[in-house]
Amino acid sequence: MNSCHLDYKVEDELGYRFYRANNSSYGNPRYVIHFLAFHSDYDEALKLAKTLKFKRYTGSDFGGGFVCESYNLENTAERIIKLRGEL
């Protein structure tokens, strides 16, 4: 998978990188990020990720990740940062 580039400030604050996955069946771009971007506990991270419409990534090339469809990756990263700040 190829990593995606964000604005350096957003990427530094997020602390994790997004990786490009295959498009959805409708042709929408999909991105994968490690669960630690949300929380250190996987089950808790999954609950938080689902509030932002992320799903569990089941591909064999990336372990412990969540996937989302996004046309604005900067906004998606900022929403993760905001969610972590509310904890």
C-alpha atoms as a PDB file:
ATOM      1  CA  MET A   1       0.000   0.000   0.000  1.00  0.00           C
ATOM      2  CA  ASN A   2       1.099   3.534  -0.680  1.00  0.00           C
ATOM      3  CA  SER A   3       1.094   6.103   2.093  1.00  0.00           C
ATOM      4  CA  CYS A   4      -0.868   9.305   1.587  1.00  0.00           C
ATOM      5  CA  HIS A   5       0.463  12.754   2.271  1.00  0.00           C
ATOM      6  CA  LEU A   6      -1.329  15.224   4.502  1.00  0.00           C
ATOM      7  CA  ASP A   7      -0.496  18.768   5.466  1.00  0.00           C
ATOM      8  CA  TYR A   8       2.569  18.491   7.720  1.00  0.00           C
ATOM      9  CA  LYS A   9       0.819  20.095  10.711  1.00  0.00           C
ATOM     10  CA  VAL A  10      -2.139  17.717  10.511  1.00  0.00           C
ATOM     11  CA  GLU A  11       0.099  14.688   9.985  1.00  0.00           C
ATOM     12  CA  ASP A  12       2.299  15.609  12.969  1.00  0.00           C
ATOM     13  CA  GLU A  13      -0.715  16.106  15.212  1.00  0.00           C
ATOM     14  CA  LEU A  14      -2.351  12.868  14.042  1.00  0.00           C
ATOM     15  CA  GLY A  15       0.869  10.880  14.454  1.00  0.00           C
ATOM     16  CA  TYR A  16      -0.141   8.137  12.008  1.00  0.00           C
ATOM     17  CA  ARG A  17      -0.302   7.846   8.237  1.00  0.00           C
ATOM     18  CA  PHE A  18      -3.161   6.962   5.958  1.00  0.00           C
ATOM     19  CA  TYR A  19      -2.583   4.328   3.292  1.00  0.00           C
ATOM     20  CA  ARG A  20      -4.448   4.049   0.016  1.00  0.00           C
ATOM     21  CA  ALA A  21      -6.594   0.934  -0.387  1.00  0.00           C
ATOM     22  CA  ASN A  22      -8.500  -0.278  -3.420  1.00  0.00           C
ATOM     23  CA  ASN A  23     -11.560   1.749  -4.359  1.00  0.00           C
ATOM     24  CA  SER A  24     -14.956   0.705  -3.048  1.00  0.00           C
ATOM     25  CA  SER A  25     -17.356  -1.167  -5.292  1.00  0.00           C
ATOM     26  CA  TYR A  26     -18.878   2.229  -6.165  1.00  0.00           C
ATOM     27  CA  GLY A  27     -15.507   3.682  -7.156  1.00  0.00           C
ATOM     28  CA  ASN A  28     -15.021   5.836  -4.045  1.00  0.00           C
ATOM     29  CA  PRO A  29     -11.464   6.248  -2.721  1.00  0.00           C
ATOM     30  CA  ARG A  30     -10.681   4.276   0.445  1.00  0.00           C
ATOM     31  CA  TYR A  31      -7.963   4.810   3.028  1.00  0.00           C
ATOM     32  CA  VAL A  32      -6.635   2.661   5.872  1.00  0.00           C
ATOM     33  CA  ILE A  33      -5.146   3.885   9.154  1.00  0.00           C
ATOM     34  CA  HIS A  34      -3.793   1.956  12.145  1.00  0.00           C
ATOM     35  CA  PHE A  35      -6.110   1.546  15.136  1.00  0.00           C
ATOM     36  CA  LEU A  36      -3.623   3.305  17.436  1.00  0.00           C
ATOM     37  CA  ALA A  37      -4.583   6.582  15.770  1.00  0.00           C
ATOM     38  CA  PHE A  38      -7.833   6.342  17.744  1.00  0.00           C
ATOM     39  CA  HIS A  39      -6.990   4.625  21.040  1.00  0.00           C
ATOM     40  CA  SER A  40      -4.439   2.208  22.525  1.00  0.00           C
ATOM     41  CA  ASP A  41      -7.100  -0.455  23.209  1.00  0.00           C
ATOM     42  CA  TYR A  42      -8.405  -2.094  20.011  1.00  0.00           C
ATOM     43  CA  ASP A  43     -12.011  -2.537  21.189  1.00  0.00           C
ATOM     44  CA  GLU A  44     -12.203   1.057  22.389  1.00  0.00           C
ATOM     45  CA  ALA A  45     -10.578   2.255  19.168  1.00  0.00           C
ATOM     46  CA  LEU A  46     -13.174   0.352  17.141  1.00  0.00           C
ATOM     47  CA  LYS A  47     -16.021   2.049  19.015  1.00  0.00           C
ATOM     48  CA  LEU A  48     -14.493   5.462  18.374  1.00  0.00           C
ATOM     49  CA  ALA A  49     -13.773   4.689  14.728  1.00  0.00           C
ATOM     50  CA  LYS A  50     -17.333   3.580  14.112  1.00  0.00           C
ATOM     51  CA  THR A  51     -18.600   6.965  15.288  1.00  0.00           C
ATOM     52  CA  LEU A  52     -16.698   8.427  12.302  1.00  0.00           C
ATOM     53  CA  LYS A  53     -18.042   5.745   9.909  1.00  0.00           C
ATOM     54  CA  PHE A  54     -14.796   3.749   9.769  1.00  0.00           C
ATOM     55  CA  LYS A  55     -14.976  -0.015   9.362  1.00  0.00           C
ATOM     56  CA  ARG A  56     -12.630  -2.824  10.348  1.00  0.00           C
ATOM     57  CA  TYR A  57     -10.094  -3.466   7.562  1.00  0.00           C
ATOM     58  CA  THR A  58      -9.833  -7.186   6.855  1.00  0.00           C
ATOM     59  CA  GLY A  59      -7.195  -7.162   4.114  1.00  0.00           C
ATOM     60  CA  SER A  60      -4.158  -9.336   4.731  1.00  0.00           C
ATOM     61  CA  ASP A  61      -1.674  -6.596   3.818  1.00  0.00           C
ATOM     62  CA  PHE A  62      -2.431  -4.343   6.819  1.00  0.00           C
ATOM     63  CA  GLY A  63      -3.007  -5.650  10.330  1.00  0.00           C
ATOM     64  CA  GLY A  64      -5.115  -3.857  12.915  1.00  0.00           C
ATOM     65  CA  GLY A  65      -6.456  -1.101  10.736  1.00  0.00           C
ATOM     66  CA  PHE A  66      -9.663   0.741  10.026  1.00  0.00           C
ATOM     67  CA  VAL A  67     -10.855   1.790   6.591  1.00  0.00           C
ATOM     68  CA  CYS A  68     -12.961   4.719   5.435  1.00  0.00           C
ATOM     69  CA  GLU A  69     -14.138   6.292   2.221  1.00  0.00           C
ATOM     70  CA  SER A  70     -13.050   9.883   1.859  1.00  0.00           C
ATOM     71  CA  TYR A  71     -12.727  12.561  -0.783  1.00  0.00           C
ATOM     72  CA  ASN A  72     -11.239  14.976   1.780  1.00  0.00           C
ATOM     73  CA  LEU A  73      -8.534  13.188   3.741  1.00  0.00           C
ATOM     74  CA  GLU A  74      -7.448  16.341   5.583  1.00  0.00           C
ATOM     75  CA  ASN A  75     -10.948  16.711   7.034  1.00  0.00           C
ATOM     76  CA  THR A  76     -11.036  13.038   8.015  1.00  0.00           C
ATOM     77  CA  ALA A  77      -7.715  13.383   9.850  1.00  0.00           C
ATOM     78  CA  GLU A  78      -8.916  16.518  11.643  1.00  0.00           C
ATOM     79  CA  ARG A  79     -12.066  14.693  12.775  1.00  0.00           C
ATOM     80  CA  ILE A  80      -9.910  11.933  14.304  1.00  0.00           C
ATOM     81  CA  ILE A  81      -7.809  14.526  16.110  1.00  0.00           C
ATOM     82  CA  LYS A  82     -10.930  16.270  17.417  1.00  0.00           C
ATOM     83  CA  LEU A  83     -12.395  12.952  18.595  1.00  0.00           C
ATOM     84  CA  ARG A  84      -9.210  12.095  20.497  1.00  0.00           C
ATOM     85  CA  GLY A  85      -9.260  15.531  22.113  1.00  0.00           C
ATOM     86  CA  GLU A  86     -12.752  14.866  23.498  1.00  0.00           C
ATOM     87  CA  LEU A  87     -11.584  11.815  25.465  1.00  0.00           C
END
